[in-house]
Every structure is written in structure tokens, then in C-alpha cells.
């Protein structure tokens, strides 16, 4: 289904590139802005289906985009937001994922935009209420908390990373060339080994894993 999208990015080339990409895939850009204040105004005016925003942008050139996105999600519960970042900032990812229960939210590195098919799939997942976390965020968290994950097999770590990207069990099975039953077994093992409750809700599964890894 075509989406009504607002793009907030202070780098003109990337902003225009995102607008062109959205148009190519049949989506409508309601506004393309370059600062956080304009983002808030545009969302209030247009009530979009999805917001794509940079973390750092004017007027403060700090985490203005992220703070505005979180505030907008608090005002309009469940507003789908996909945040793009130049570098991995774990605290930013956590703040975003904590907003409104972590549903309909994504945090990706800007370099992922170049992988067009995967980027658009992530966008669709967020718009549909799912959660998408950049694999590099998971890798950094894993490096920071190595001991608990030593209990996981190599395949279970791979499944954990795919879970964090917001993939469905069927999608993971296709990606790994295994049966869906095998994926279900790996997920059960992961939750058992990490002492996490089993939850069939995709974004809650991701949040549970992140909550454990960032503790």
C-alpha cells in the first residue's frame, strides 16, 4: 500500500535521494524538511503514515531529530518512525525503542539506504507496526555483553541477530535455508539460555533481547 511519508534530513542530497526513492516505490512524500522544528510542524499538519528522520539536525545540531521523533510518538501513540544515523549510538537506539512500547519503530545506519530492497523492506515493516534494529547495534551490544551470549551456539547468535532486525520466523527460515520448525527451536533455545520470556509478538521479542543485552 502507498504510504504518506515525511522526510527530515538536513543533508540535501540524501533528503532528495530519499524522496526520489519513495516516489520510485509508489509512496507519497508529504514534506521534506531540514530541521527538527519543521519536522514537528509537518507532522502536526499532515499526520503522515510514516516519518523518516535523521538523528542529528538543526536547530541544535545535536540529537534534535531523535528527540523530536520521540516527542511526536508520545503525542501520537504508535506513529511509525524510522530513524537514520551516521554512526551507531546505542543510547539513541534505546531511547527510541523505549518510546510507546517499541512498536512501529526502526533505527538504521544511513549506509543501509544504499541497499535499496532491504531498506524499503525495513520501511514497510516499521509502517506496519514492526520493529527494525540495525545489525551493527546488535553487534556492538553483543561485544559489550559477551559472557551471557557465550551460552549460545553460532547458529543461535545468527538467529538472534535476525530477530533483532525484525524478521519473521518464516523470513529467517528462508534466509538461513532451514525449516521454520528449526527456527522456532533456535528461538526457544535462545530465550531459555538468556532467561527471557517467550513472546510471539515480534517487536516485543526484539525489545526483550535488547533489554537483556543493555542491562
N, C-alpha and C. Protein backbone atom coordinates (compact mmCIF):
# COMPACT_ATOMS: atom_id res chain seq x y z
N UNK A 1 0.85 -1.19 0.00
CA UNK A 1 0.00 0.00 0.00
C UNK A 1 0.88 1.24 0.00
N UNK A 2 0.53 2.26 -0.80
CA UNK A 2 1.30 3.51 -0.80
C UNK A 2 1.25 4.16 0.58
N UNK A 3 2.37 4.73 0.99
CA UNK A 3 2.47 5.39 2.28
C UNK A 3 2.61 6.89 2.10
N UNK A 4 2.06 7.64 3.05
CA UNK A 4 2.23 9.09 3.10
C UNK A 4 3.35 9.36 4.11
N UNK A 5 4.45 9.91 3.61
CA UNK A 5 5.69 9.96 4.39
C UNK A 5 6.19 11.40 4.53
N UNK A 6 6.78 11.68 5.70
CA UNK A 6 7.52 12.92 5.91
C UNK A 6 8.99 12.56 6.10
N UNK A 7 9.85 13.26 5.36
CA UNK A 7 11.29 13.04 5.42
C UNK A 7 11.95 14.25 6.10
N UNK A 8 12.78 13.97 7.10
CA UNK A 8 13.52 15.04 7.80
C UNK A 8 15.00 14.70 7.76
N UNK A 9 15.77 15.46 7.00
CA UNK A 9 17.20 15.22 6.82
C UNK A 9 17.85 16.52 6.38
N UNK A 10 18.88 16.96 7.11
CA UNK A 10 19.48 18.26 6.78
C UNK A 10 20.46 18.19 5.61
N UNK A 11 20.94 17.01 5.25
CA UNK A 11 21.80 16.85 4.09
C UNK A 11 20.92 16.80 2.84
N UNK A 12 21.05 17.82 1.99
CA UNK A 12 20.13 17.97 0.87
C UNK A 12 20.16 16.78 -0.07
N UNK A 13 21.36 16.29 -0.39
CA UNK A 13 21.46 15.18 -1.34
C UNK A 13 20.75 13.93 -0.83
N UNK A 14 20.97 13.60 0.44
CA UNK A 14 20.31 12.42 1.00
C UNK A 14 18.81 12.65 1.09
N UNK A 15 18.41 13.85 1.48
CA UNK A 15 16.97 14.14 1.58
C UNK A 15 16.29 13.95 0.22
N UNK A 16 16.88 14.52 -0.81
CA UNK A 16 16.29 14.39 -2.14
C UNK A 16 16.36 12.95 -2.65
N UNK A 17 17.43 12.25 -2.26
CA UNK A 17 17.54 10.85 -2.64
C UNK A 17 16.44 10.01 -2.02
N UNK A 18 16.13 10.28 -0.76
CA UNK A 18 15.06 9.55 -0.08
C UNK A 18 13.71 9.84 -0.72
N UNK A 19 13.49 11.10 -1.07
CA UNK A 19 12.23 11.48 -1.72
C UNK A 19 12.09 10.74 -3.05
N UNK A 20 13.19 10.71 -3.82
CA UNK A 20 13.15 10.01 -5.10
C UNK A 20 12.92 8.52 -4.94
N UNK A 21 13.54 7.94 -3.91
CA UNK A 21 13.38 6.50 -3.65
C UNK A 21 11.94 6.18 -3.27
N UNK A 22 11.37 7.01 -2.43
CA UNK A 22 9.98 6.80 -2.02
C UNK A 22 9.04 6.89 -3.23
N UNK A 23 9.29 7.88 -4.06
CA UNK A 23 8.46 8.04 -5.26
C UNK A 23 8.59 6.83 -6.17
N UNK A 24 9.81 6.33 -6.31
CA UNK A 24 10.06 5.16 -7.16
C UNK A 24 9.25 3.95 -6.71
N UNK A 25 9.02 3.84 -5.41
CA UNK A 25 8.29 2.69 -4.88
C UNK A 25 6.82 3.01 -4.63
N UNK A 26 6.36 4.12 -5.17
CA UNK A 26 4.94 4.43 -5.15
C UNK A 26 4.44 5.14 -3.91
N UNK A 27 5.36 5.64 -3.07
CA UNK A 27 4.94 6.34 -1.85
C UNK A 27 4.91 7.85 -2.09
N UNK A 28 4.14 8.54 -1.28
CA UNK A 28 3.98 10.00 -1.40
C UNK A 28 4.74 10.71 -0.29
N UNK A 29 5.59 11.65 -0.65
CA UNK A 29 6.28 12.47 0.34
C UNK A 29 5.46 13.73 0.60
N UNK A 30 4.92 13.83 1.79
CA UNK A 30 4.08 14.98 2.15
C UNK A 30 4.91 16.22 2.40
N UNK A 31 6.11 16.04 2.95
CA UNK A 31 7.02 17.15 3.23
C UNK A 31 8.42 16.60 3.34
N UNK A 32 9.40 17.38 2.89
CA UNK A 32 10.81 17.04 3.02
C UNK A 32 11.49 18.23 3.66
N UNK A 33 11.91 18.09 4.92
CA UNK A 33 12.39 19.23 5.70
C UNK A 33 13.81 18.99 6.18
N UNK A 34 14.44 20.09 6.64
CA UNK A 34 15.84 20.02 7.03
C UNK A 34 16.14 20.32 8.47
N UNK A 35 15.12 20.48 9.31
CA UNK A 35 15.36 20.71 10.73
C UNK A 35 14.24 20.14 11.57
N UNK A 36 14.52 19.99 12.86
CA UNK A 36 13.58 19.31 13.76
C UNK A 36 12.29 20.10 13.98
N UNK A 37 12.40 21.42 14.03
CA UNK A 37 11.20 22.24 14.21
C UNK A 37 10.24 22.06 13.03
N UNK A 38 10.80 22.05 11.83
CA UNK A 38 9.97 21.87 10.63
C UNK A 38 9.37 20.46 10.60
N UNK A 39 10.11 19.49 11.13
CA UNK A 39 9.58 18.13 11.22
C UNK A 39 8.33 18.09 12.09
N UNK A 40 8.41 18.67 13.28
CA UNK A 40 7.26 18.67 14.18
C UNK A 40 6.07 19.37 13.55
N UNK A 41 6.33 20.51 12.91
CA UNK A 41 5.24 21.26 12.27
C UNK A 41 4.60 20.44 11.15
N UNK A 42 5.43 19.77 10.35
CA UNK A 42 4.91 18.99 9.23
C UNK A 42 4.07 17.82 9.71
N UNK A 43 4.50 17.15 10.78
CA UNK A 43 3.74 16.02 11.31
C UNK A 43 2.39 16.49 11.84
N UNK A 44 2.40 17.61 12.55
CA UNK A 44 1.14 18.13 13.08
C UNK A 44 0.18 18.53 11.96
N UNK A 45 0.74 19.02 10.87
CA UNK A 45 -0.09 19.50 9.77
C UNK A 45 -0.63 18.35 8.91
N UNK A 46 0.23 17.36 8.62
CA UNK A 46 -0.13 16.35 7.62
C UNK A 46 -0.56 15.00 8.21
N UNK A 47 -0.18 14.70 9.44
CA UNK A 47 -0.50 13.41 10.05
C UNK A 47 -0.11 12.26 9.12
N UNK A 48 1.18 12.03 8.93
CA UNK A 48 1.66 11.04 7.97
C UNK A 48 1.49 9.60 8.46
N UNK A 49 1.69 8.67 7.53
CA UNK A 49 1.71 7.25 7.87
C UNK A 49 3.06 6.84 8.44
N UNK A 50 4.10 7.60 8.09
CA UNK A 50 5.46 7.24 8.49
C UNK A 50 6.34 8.48 8.48
N UNK A 51 7.28 8.52 9.43
CA UNK A 51 8.30 9.58 9.47
C UNK A 51 9.67 8.93 9.31
N UNK A 52 10.47 9.50 8.42
CA UNK A 52 11.88 9.12 8.28
C UNK A 52 12.69 10.34 8.72
N UNK A 53 13.54 10.18 9.73
CA UNK A 53 14.28 11.33 10.23
C UNK A 53 15.71 10.98 10.59
N UNK A 54 16.56 11.97 10.41
CA UNK A 54 17.94 11.87 10.87
C UNK A 54 17.97 12.08 12.38
N UNK A 55 19.02 11.58 13.04
CA UNK A 55 19.19 11.83 14.48
C UNK A 55 19.65 13.26 14.71
N UNK A 56 20.73 13.63 14.07
CA UNK A 56 21.35 14.95 14.29
C UNK A 56 20.94 15.92 13.20
N UNK A 57 20.39 17.06 13.63
CA UNK A 57 20.00 18.08 12.66
C UNK A 57 19.76 19.40 13.39
N UNK A 58 19.64 20.50 12.64
CA UNK A 58 19.31 21.78 13.27
C UNK A 58 17.95 21.69 13.95
N UNK A 59 17.64 22.64 14.87
CA UNK A 59 18.42 23.85 15.13
C UNK A 59 19.61 23.67 16.06
N UNK A 60 19.66 22.64 16.86
CA UNK A 60 20.74 22.49 17.82
C UNK A 60 21.91 21.69 17.30
N UNK A 61 21.71 20.99 16.18
CA UNK A 61 22.73 20.13 15.59
C UNK A 61 23.22 19.06 16.56
N UNK A 62 22.34 18.70 17.52
CA UNK A 62 22.61 17.59 18.41
C UNK A 62 21.66 16.47 18.04
N UNK A 63 21.03 15.88 19.02
CA UNK A 63 20.09 14.79 18.74
C UNK A 63 18.67 15.32 18.56
N UNK A 64 18.55 16.49 17.91
CA UNK A 64 17.25 17.16 17.76
C UNK A 64 16.23 16.29 17.02
N UNK A 65 16.68 15.61 15.98
CA UNK A 65 15.77 14.77 15.22
C UNK A 65 15.22 13.63 16.04
N UNK A 66 16.09 13.00 16.80
CA UNK A 66 15.66 11.89 17.65
C UNK A 66 14.70 12.36 18.73
N UNK A 67 15.05 13.45 19.42
CA UNK A 67 14.20 13.95 20.49
C UNK A 67 12.82 14.34 19.96
N UNK A 68 12.80 14.94 18.79
CA UNK A 68 11.53 15.33 18.19
C UNK A 68 10.71 14.10 17.83
N UNK A 69 11.37 13.08 17.30
CA UNK A 69 10.67 11.84 16.93
C UNK A 69 10.05 11.19 18.16
N UNK A 70 10.80 11.12 19.26
CA UNK A 70 10.28 10.52 20.49
C UNK A 70 9.10 11.32 21.01
N UNK A 71 9.22 12.66 20.98
CA UNK A 71 8.14 13.52 21.46
C UNK A 71 6.89 13.34 20.60
N UNK A 72 7.06 13.23 19.30
CA UNK A 72 5.92 13.05 18.41
C UNK A 72 5.23 11.71 18.65
N UNK A 73 6.03 10.69 18.96
CA UNK A 73 5.44 9.38 19.25
C UNK A 73 4.68 9.39 20.56
N UNK A 74 5.12 10.22 21.50
CA UNK A 74 4.39 10.35 22.76
C UNK A 74 3.07 11.08 22.56
N UNK A 75 3.08 12.07 21.64
CA UNK A 75 1.85 12.81 21.34
C UNK A 75 0.87 11.96 20.56
N UNK A 76 1.40 11.22 19.61
CA UNK A 76 0.56 10.39 18.74
C UNK A 76 1.06 8.96 18.86
N UNK A 77 0.50 8.25 19.80
CA UNK A 77 0.96 6.90 20.12
C UNK A 77 0.97 6.02 18.88
N UNK A 78 2.10 5.35 18.69
CA UNK A 78 2.20 4.42 17.57
C UNK A 78 2.58 5.05 16.25
N UNK A 79 2.91 6.35 16.23
CA UNK A 79 3.37 6.98 14.99
C UNK A 79 4.60 6.24 14.48
N UNK A 80 4.54 5.62 13.31
CA UNK A 80 5.70 4.90 12.80
C UNK A 80 6.86 5.84 12.48
N UNK A 81 8.02 5.54 13.03
CA UNK A 81 9.20 6.38 12.84
C UNK A 81 10.39 5.51 12.50
N UNK A 82 11.08 5.86 11.42
CA UNK A 82 12.34 5.22 11.06
C UNK A 82 13.44 6.25 11.19
N UNK A 83 14.34 6.03 12.13
CA UNK A 83 15.42 6.97 12.40
C UNK A 83 16.69 6.51 11.71
N UNK A 84 17.37 7.43 11.04
CA UNK A 84 18.63 7.15 10.37
C UNK A 84 19.76 7.84 11.12
N UNK A 85 20.88 7.14 11.25
CA UNK A 85 22.01 7.69 12.00
C UNK A 85 23.31 7.46 11.22
N UNK A 86 24.21 8.43 11.29
CA UNK A 86 25.50 8.28 10.62
C UNK A 86 26.35 7.22 11.30
N UNK A 87 26.28 7.19 12.63
CA UNK A 87 27.04 6.23 13.41
C UNK A 87 26.12 5.54 14.40
N UNK A 88 26.54 4.40 14.90
CA UNK A 88 25.77 3.69 15.92
C UNK A 88 25.87 4.43 17.24
N UNK A 89 24.76 4.81 17.77
CA UNK A 89 24.68 5.42 19.10
C UNK A 89 23.70 4.57 19.90
N UNK A 90 24.23 3.71 20.77
CA UNK A 90 23.37 2.78 21.50
C UNK A 90 22.31 3.49 22.31
N UNK A 91 22.70 4.60 22.95
CA UNK A 91 21.73 5.31 23.79
C UNK A 91 20.57 5.84 22.96
N UNK A 92 20.85 6.26 21.72
CA UNK A 92 19.79 6.75 20.86
C UNK A 92 18.84 5.62 20.50
N UNK A 93 19.41 4.47 20.17
CA UNK A 93 18.57 3.32 19.81
C UNK A 93 17.67 2.93 20.97
N UNK A 94 18.24 2.91 22.17
CA UNK A 94 17.47 2.52 23.35
C UNK A 94 16.34 3.51 23.61
N UNK A 95 16.64 4.83 23.53
CA UNK A 95 15.60 5.84 23.76
C UNK A 95 14.46 5.70 22.77
N UNK A 96 14.81 5.46 21.53
CA UNK A 96 13.78 5.32 20.50
C UNK A 96 12.94 4.07 20.73
N UNK A 97 13.61 2.96 21.02
CA UNK A 97 12.90 1.70 21.22
C UNK A 97 12.03 1.72 22.46
N UNK A 98 12.40 2.54 23.44
CA UNK A 98 11.61 2.65 24.66
C UNK A 98 10.32 3.43 24.45
N UNK A 99 10.23 4.19 23.37
CA UNK A 99 9.07 5.05 23.16
C UNK A 99 7.88 4.23 22.69
N UNK A 100 6.76 4.40 23.37
CA UNK A 100 5.48 3.77 23.00
C UNK A 100 5.59 2.26 22.86
N UNK A 101 6.37 1.63 23.74
CA UNK A 101 6.43 0.19 23.75
C UNK A 101 7.25 -0.43 22.64
N UNK A 102 7.92 0.41 21.85
CA UNK A 102 8.81 -0.12 20.82
C UNK A 102 8.15 -0.58 19.54
N UNK A 103 6.84 -0.38 19.40
CA UNK A 103 6.15 -0.78 18.18
C UNK A 103 6.32 0.29 17.11
N UNK A 104 6.31 -0.12 15.85
CA UNK A 104 6.34 0.79 14.70
C UNK A 104 7.53 1.74 14.78
N UNK A 105 8.72 1.16 14.96
CA UNK A 105 9.90 1.99 15.10
C UNK A 105 11.11 1.28 14.51
N UNK A 106 12.02 2.05 13.95
CA UNK A 106 13.24 1.48 13.39
C UNK A 106 14.43 2.39 13.62
N UNK A 107 15.60 1.78 13.73
CA UNK A 107 16.85 2.53 13.90
C UNK A 107 17.87 1.90 12.96
N UNK A 108 18.28 2.64 11.92
CA UNK A 108 19.21 2.12 10.93
C UNK A 108 20.34 3.10 10.67
N UNK A 109 21.48 2.56 10.28
CA UNK A 109 22.57 3.40 9.81
C UNK A 109 22.22 3.92 8.41
N UNK A 110 22.69 5.13 8.11
CA UNK A 110 22.37 5.73 6.82
C UNK A 110 22.89 4.91 5.65
N UNK A 111 23.98 4.20 5.88
CA UNK A 111 24.54 3.40 4.80
C UNK A 111 23.58 2.32 4.31
N UNK A 112 22.60 1.96 5.13
CA UNK A 112 21.64 0.92 4.73
C UNK A 112 20.73 1.40 3.60
N UNK A 113 20.61 2.70 3.42
CA UNK A 113 19.75 3.23 2.36
C UNK A 113 20.24 2.73 1.00
N UNK A 114 21.55 2.54 0.88
CA UNK A 114 22.11 2.06 -0.39
C UNK A 114 21.67 0.67 -0.77
N UNK A 115 21.32 -0.15 0.22
CA UNK A 115 20.77 -1.48 -0.06
C UNK A 115 19.26 -1.30 -0.22
N UNK A 116 18.85 -0.86 -1.39
CA UNK A 116 17.50 -0.34 -1.60
C UNK A 116 16.41 -1.33 -1.20
N UNK A 117 16.51 -2.56 -1.68
CA UNK A 117 15.45 -3.53 -1.41
C UNK A 117 15.31 -3.78 0.09
N UNK A 118 16.43 -3.94 0.78
CA UNK A 118 16.39 -4.20 2.22
C UNK A 118 15.88 -2.98 2.97
N UNK A 119 16.29 -1.79 2.53
CA UNK A 119 15.84 -0.56 3.18
C UNK A 119 14.33 -0.41 3.05
N UNK A 120 13.80 -0.65 1.86
CA UNK A 120 12.37 -0.49 1.66
C UNK A 120 11.58 -1.55 2.43
N UNK A 121 12.16 -2.75 2.55
CA UNK A 121 11.52 -3.78 3.36
C UNK A 121 11.44 -3.34 4.82
N UNK A 122 12.55 -2.75 5.32
CA UNK A 122 12.57 -2.25 6.70
C UNK A 122 11.53 -1.15 6.88
N UNK A 123 11.42 -0.28 5.89
CA UNK A 123 10.43 0.80 5.95
C UNK A 123 9.01 0.23 6.04
N UNK A 124 8.73 -0.78 5.23
CA UNK A 124 7.40 -1.40 5.25
C UNK A 124 7.12 -2.05 6.60
N UNK A 125 8.14 -2.69 7.19
CA UNK A 125 7.96 -3.34 8.49
C UNK A 125 7.60 -2.32 9.56
N UNK A 126 8.31 -1.20 9.57
CA UNK A 126 8.04 -0.16 10.56
C UNK A 126 6.64 0.41 10.36
N UNK A 127 6.29 0.70 9.11
CA UNK A 127 4.97 1.26 8.83
C UNK A 127 3.85 0.32 9.24
N UNK A 128 4.13 -0.99 9.20
CA UNK A 128 3.13 -1.99 9.56
C UNK A 128 3.10 -2.28 11.06
N UNK A 129 3.92 -1.55 11.83
CA UNK A 129 3.89 -1.72 13.28
C UNK A 129 5.02 -2.56 13.84
N UNK A 130 5.96 -2.96 12.98
CA UNK A 130 7.07 -3.79 13.44
C UNK A 130 8.24 -2.97 13.96
N UNK A 131 9.27 -3.69 14.38
CA UNK A 131 10.47 -3.08 14.93
C UNK A 131 11.67 -3.53 14.12
N UNK A 132 12.53 -2.58 13.74
CA UNK A 132 13.73 -2.90 12.99
C UNK A 132 14.92 -2.24 13.67
N UNK A 133 15.94 -3.05 13.96
CA UNK A 133 17.16 -2.56 14.60
C UNK A 133 18.34 -2.88 13.71
N UNK A 134 19.20 -1.89 13.48
CA UNK A 134 20.37 -2.12 12.62
C UNK A 134 21.23 -3.23 13.19
N UNK A 135 21.67 -4.17 12.35
CA UNK A 135 22.51 -5.27 12.84
C UNK A 135 23.75 -4.81 13.59
N UNK A 136 24.30 -3.65 13.22
CA UNK A 136 25.50 -3.17 13.89
C UNK A 136 25.24 -2.81 15.34
N UNK A 137 24.02 -2.35 15.65
CA UNK A 137 23.66 -2.09 17.04
C UNK A 137 23.73 -3.37 17.84
N UNK A 138 23.19 -4.44 17.27
CA UNK A 138 23.22 -5.73 17.95
C UNK A 138 24.65 -6.21 18.13
N UNK A 139 25.47 -6.05 17.10
CA UNK A 139 26.86 -6.49 17.19
C UNK A 139 27.60 -5.76 18.31
N UNK A 140 27.35 -4.45 18.43
CA UNK A 140 28.02 -3.69 19.49
C UNK A 140 27.53 -4.12 20.86
N UNK A 141 26.24 -4.37 20.99
CA UNK A 141 25.71 -4.82 22.27
C UNK A 141 26.28 -6.19 22.63
N UNK A 142 26.40 -7.04 21.63
CA UNK A 142 26.96 -8.37 21.87
C UNK A 142 28.39 -8.26 22.36
N UNK A 143 29.16 -7.35 21.78
CA UNK A 143 30.56 -7.18 22.19
C UNK A 143 30.64 -6.67 23.62
N UNK A 144 29.67 -5.84 24.01
CA UNK A 144 29.68 -5.28 25.36
C UNK A 144 29.25 -6.29 26.41
N UNK A 145 28.42 -7.26 26.00
CA UNK A 145 27.92 -8.26 26.95
C UNK A 145 28.26 -9.66 26.45
N UNK A 146 29.56 -10.02 26.40
CA UNK A 146 29.92 -11.31 25.80
C UNK A 146 29.55 -12.51 26.65
N UNK A 147 29.64 -12.42 27.96
CA UNK A 147 29.50 -13.60 28.81
C UNK A 147 28.17 -14.33 28.65
N UNK A 148 27.01 -13.65 28.77
CA UNK A 148 25.74 -14.37 28.65
C UNK A 148 25.58 -15.04 27.29
N UNK A 149 26.12 -14.41 26.25
CA UNK A 149 25.93 -14.95 24.92
C UNK A 149 26.87 -16.10 24.60
N UNK A 150 27.83 -16.35 25.45
CA UNK A 150 28.71 -17.49 25.24
C UNK A 150 27.93 -18.80 25.32
N UNK A 151 26.76 -18.74 25.96
CA UNK A 151 25.93 -19.94 26.08
C UNK A 151 25.21 -20.25 24.78
N UNK A 152 25.20 -19.29 23.83
CA UNK A 152 24.51 -19.51 22.57
C UNK A 152 25.44 -20.15 21.54
N UNK A 153 24.87 -21.00 20.71
CA UNK A 153 25.63 -21.57 19.60
C UNK A 153 25.80 -20.51 18.52
N UNK A 154 26.67 -20.78 17.56
CA UNK A 154 26.88 -19.85 16.45
C UNK A 154 25.58 -19.61 15.70
N UNK A 155 24.81 -20.67 15.47
CA UNK A 155 23.54 -20.53 14.77
C UNK A 155 22.54 -19.73 15.58
N UNK A 156 22.51 -19.93 16.89
CA UNK A 156 21.59 -19.19 17.75
C UNK A 156 21.94 -17.70 17.76
N UNK A 157 23.23 -17.37 17.73
CA UNK A 157 23.63 -15.97 17.65
C UNK A 157 23.17 -15.36 16.33
N UNK A 158 23.26 -16.15 15.26
CA UNK A 158 22.81 -15.68 13.96
C UNK A 158 21.30 -15.42 13.98
N UNK A 159 20.56 -16.33 14.58
CA UNK A 159 19.10 -16.16 14.69
C UNK A 159 18.78 -14.94 15.55
N UNK A 160 19.52 -14.74 16.62
CA UNK A 160 19.32 -13.58 17.49
C UNK A 160 19.48 -12.29 16.71
N UNK A 161 20.51 -12.22 15.88
CA UNK A 161 20.72 -11.03 15.06
C UNK A 161 19.57 -10.80 14.09
N UNK A 162 19.08 -11.86 13.47
CA UNK A 162 17.96 -11.73 12.54
C UNK A 162 16.68 -11.33 13.27
N UNK A 163 16.48 -11.86 14.47
CA UNK A 163 15.32 -11.46 15.27
C UNK A 163 15.35 -9.97 15.53
N UNK A 164 16.54 -9.46 15.85
CA UNK A 164 16.68 -8.05 16.18
C UNK A 164 16.40 -7.15 14.98
N UNK A 165 16.56 -7.69 13.78
CA UNK A 165 16.25 -6.93 12.57
C UNK A 165 14.75 -6.88 12.30
N UNK A 166 13.97 -7.60 13.12
CA UNK A 166 12.52 -7.58 12.95
C UNK A 166 12.00 -8.60 11.98
N UNK A 167 12.81 -9.58 11.62
CA UNK A 167 12.38 -10.58 10.64
C UNK A 167 11.39 -11.57 11.26
N UNK A 168 10.48 -12.04 10.46
CA UNK A 168 9.54 -13.07 10.89
C UNK A 168 10.25 -14.42 10.92
N UNK A 169 9.63 -15.39 11.58
CA UNK A 169 10.20 -16.74 11.62
C UNK A 169 10.33 -17.33 10.21
N UNK A 170 9.32 -17.10 9.38
CA UNK A 170 9.35 -17.62 8.02
C UNK A 170 10.48 -16.98 7.22
N UNK A 171 10.67 -15.68 7.41
CA UNK A 171 11.73 -14.97 6.70
C UNK A 171 13.09 -15.47 7.14
N UNK A 172 13.26 -15.68 8.46
CA UNK A 172 14.53 -16.20 8.97
C UNK A 172 14.81 -17.59 8.41
N UNK A 173 13.78 -18.42 8.32
CA UNK A 173 13.95 -19.77 7.79
C UNK A 173 14.44 -19.72 6.35
N UNK A 174 13.84 -18.84 5.55
CA UNK A 174 14.24 -18.71 4.15
C UNK A 174 15.67 -18.19 4.05
N UNK A 175 16.01 -17.22 4.91
CA UNK A 175 17.35 -16.63 4.89
C UNK A 175 18.42 -17.66 5.26
N UNK A 176 18.11 -18.52 6.21
CA UNK A 176 19.07 -19.50 6.71
C UNK A 176 18.99 -20.84 5.99
N UNK A 177 18.01 -20.98 5.08
CA UNK A 177 17.81 -22.23 4.34
C UNK A 177 17.55 -23.40 5.28
N UNK A 178 16.69 -23.14 6.28
CA UNK A 178 16.28 -24.19 7.21
C UNK A 178 14.76 -24.15 7.30
N UNK A 179 14.18 -25.13 7.99
CA UNK A 179 12.74 -25.14 8.17
C UNK A 179 12.31 -24.13 9.22
N UNK A 180 11.04 -23.74 9.17
CA UNK A 180 10.51 -22.81 10.18
C UNK A 180 10.51 -23.48 11.55
N UNK A 181 10.32 -24.80 11.56
CA UNK A 181 10.36 -25.52 12.83
C UNK A 181 11.75 -25.42 13.47
N UNK A 182 12.79 -25.45 12.64
CA UNK A 182 14.15 -25.31 13.15
C UNK A 182 14.37 -23.93 13.75
N UNK A 183 13.82 -22.92 13.08
CA UNK A 183 13.93 -21.55 13.60
C UNK A 183 13.22 -21.44 14.94
N UNK A 184 12.02 -22.00 15.03
CA UNK A 184 11.27 -21.97 16.29
C UNK A 184 12.07 -22.62 17.42
N UNK A 185 12.76 -23.70 17.10
CA UNK A 185 13.57 -24.39 18.10
C UNK A 185 14.73 -23.52 18.55
N UNK A 186 15.40 -22.85 17.58
CA UNK A 186 16.51 -21.97 17.93
C UNK A 186 16.03 -20.82 18.82
N UNK A 187 14.88 -20.24 18.49
CA UNK A 187 14.35 -19.13 19.28
C UNK A 187 14.03 -19.59 20.70
N UNK A 188 13.44 -20.77 20.81
CA UNK A 188 13.17 -21.31 22.14
C UNK A 188 14.44 -21.50 22.94
N UNK A 189 15.49 -21.98 22.28
CA UNK A 189 16.77 -22.16 22.96
C UNK A 189 17.36 -20.83 23.41
N UNK A 190 17.23 -19.82 22.54
CA UNK A 190 17.78 -18.50 22.87
C UNK A 190 17.12 -17.94 24.12
N UNK A 191 15.79 -17.96 24.13
CA UNK A 191 15.08 -17.41 25.29
C UNK A 191 15.35 -18.21 26.55
N UNK A 192 15.48 -19.49 26.38
CA UNK A 192 15.78 -20.34 27.54
C UNK A 192 17.16 -20.03 28.10
N UNK A 193 18.16 -19.94 27.23
CA UNK A 193 19.53 -19.70 27.67
C UNK A 193 19.74 -18.29 28.23
N UNK A 194 18.94 -17.32 27.72
CA UNK A 194 19.07 -15.94 28.20
C UNK A 194 18.06 -15.60 29.29
N UNK A 195 17.29 -16.62 29.71
CA UNK A 195 16.29 -16.43 30.77
C UNK A 195 15.29 -15.33 30.43
N UNK A 196 14.82 -15.34 29.18
CA UNK A 196 13.85 -14.35 28.72
C UNK A 196 12.51 -15.03 28.46
N UNK A 197 11.40 -14.33 28.72
CA UNK A 197 10.09 -14.92 28.45
C UNK A 197 9.86 -15.09 26.96
N UNK A 198 9.23 -16.18 26.58
CA UNK A 198 8.90 -16.40 25.17
C UNK A 198 7.69 -15.55 24.82
N UNK A 199 7.78 -14.80 23.73
CA UNK A 199 6.69 -13.92 23.31
C UNK A 199 6.59 -14.00 21.80
N UNK A 200 5.40 -14.27 21.30
CA UNK A 200 5.23 -14.41 19.85
C UNK A 200 5.13 -13.07 19.15
N UNK A 201 5.04 -11.98 19.89
CA UNK A 201 4.95 -10.65 19.30
C UNK A 201 6.36 -10.22 18.89
N UNK A 202 6.55 -9.96 17.58
CA UNK A 202 7.89 -9.71 17.05
C UNK A 202 8.63 -8.57 17.70
N UNK A 203 8.01 -7.38 17.80
CA UNK A 203 8.76 -6.25 18.33
C UNK A 203 9.03 -6.43 19.82
N UNK A 204 8.17 -7.12 20.55
CA UNK A 204 8.43 -7.37 21.96
C UNK A 204 9.58 -8.34 22.14
N UNK A 205 9.71 -9.27 21.21
CA UNK A 205 10.86 -10.17 21.28
C UNK A 205 12.15 -9.39 21.14
N UNK A 206 12.18 -8.47 20.20
CA UNK A 206 13.38 -7.65 19.99
C UNK A 206 13.67 -6.81 21.22
N UNK A 207 12.64 -6.19 21.77
CA UNK A 207 12.83 -5.35 22.95
C UNK A 207 13.32 -6.17 24.14
N UNK A 208 12.82 -7.39 24.29
CA UNK A 208 13.26 -8.22 25.39
C UNK A 208 14.75 -8.55 25.27
N UNK A 209 15.17 -8.87 24.06
CA UNK A 209 16.58 -9.17 23.84
C UNK A 209 17.44 -7.93 24.10
N UNK A 210 17.00 -6.78 23.58
CA UNK A 210 17.77 -5.55 23.80
C UNK A 210 17.83 -5.19 25.27
N UNK A 211 16.71 -5.36 25.97
CA UNK A 211 16.68 -5.05 27.39
C UNK A 211 17.70 -5.89 28.15
N UNK A 212 17.81 -7.14 27.77
CA UNK A 212 18.78 -8.03 28.42
C UNK A 212 20.21 -7.59 28.09
N UNK A 213 20.46 -7.30 26.84
CA UNK A 213 21.83 -7.01 26.42
C UNK A 213 22.33 -5.67 26.94
N UNK A 214 21.42 -4.72 27.15
CA UNK A 214 21.88 -3.39 27.59
C UNK A 214 21.94 -3.29 29.11
N UNK A 215 21.47 -4.30 29.84
CA UNK A 215 21.40 -4.23 31.30
C UNK A 215 22.80 -4.13 31.91
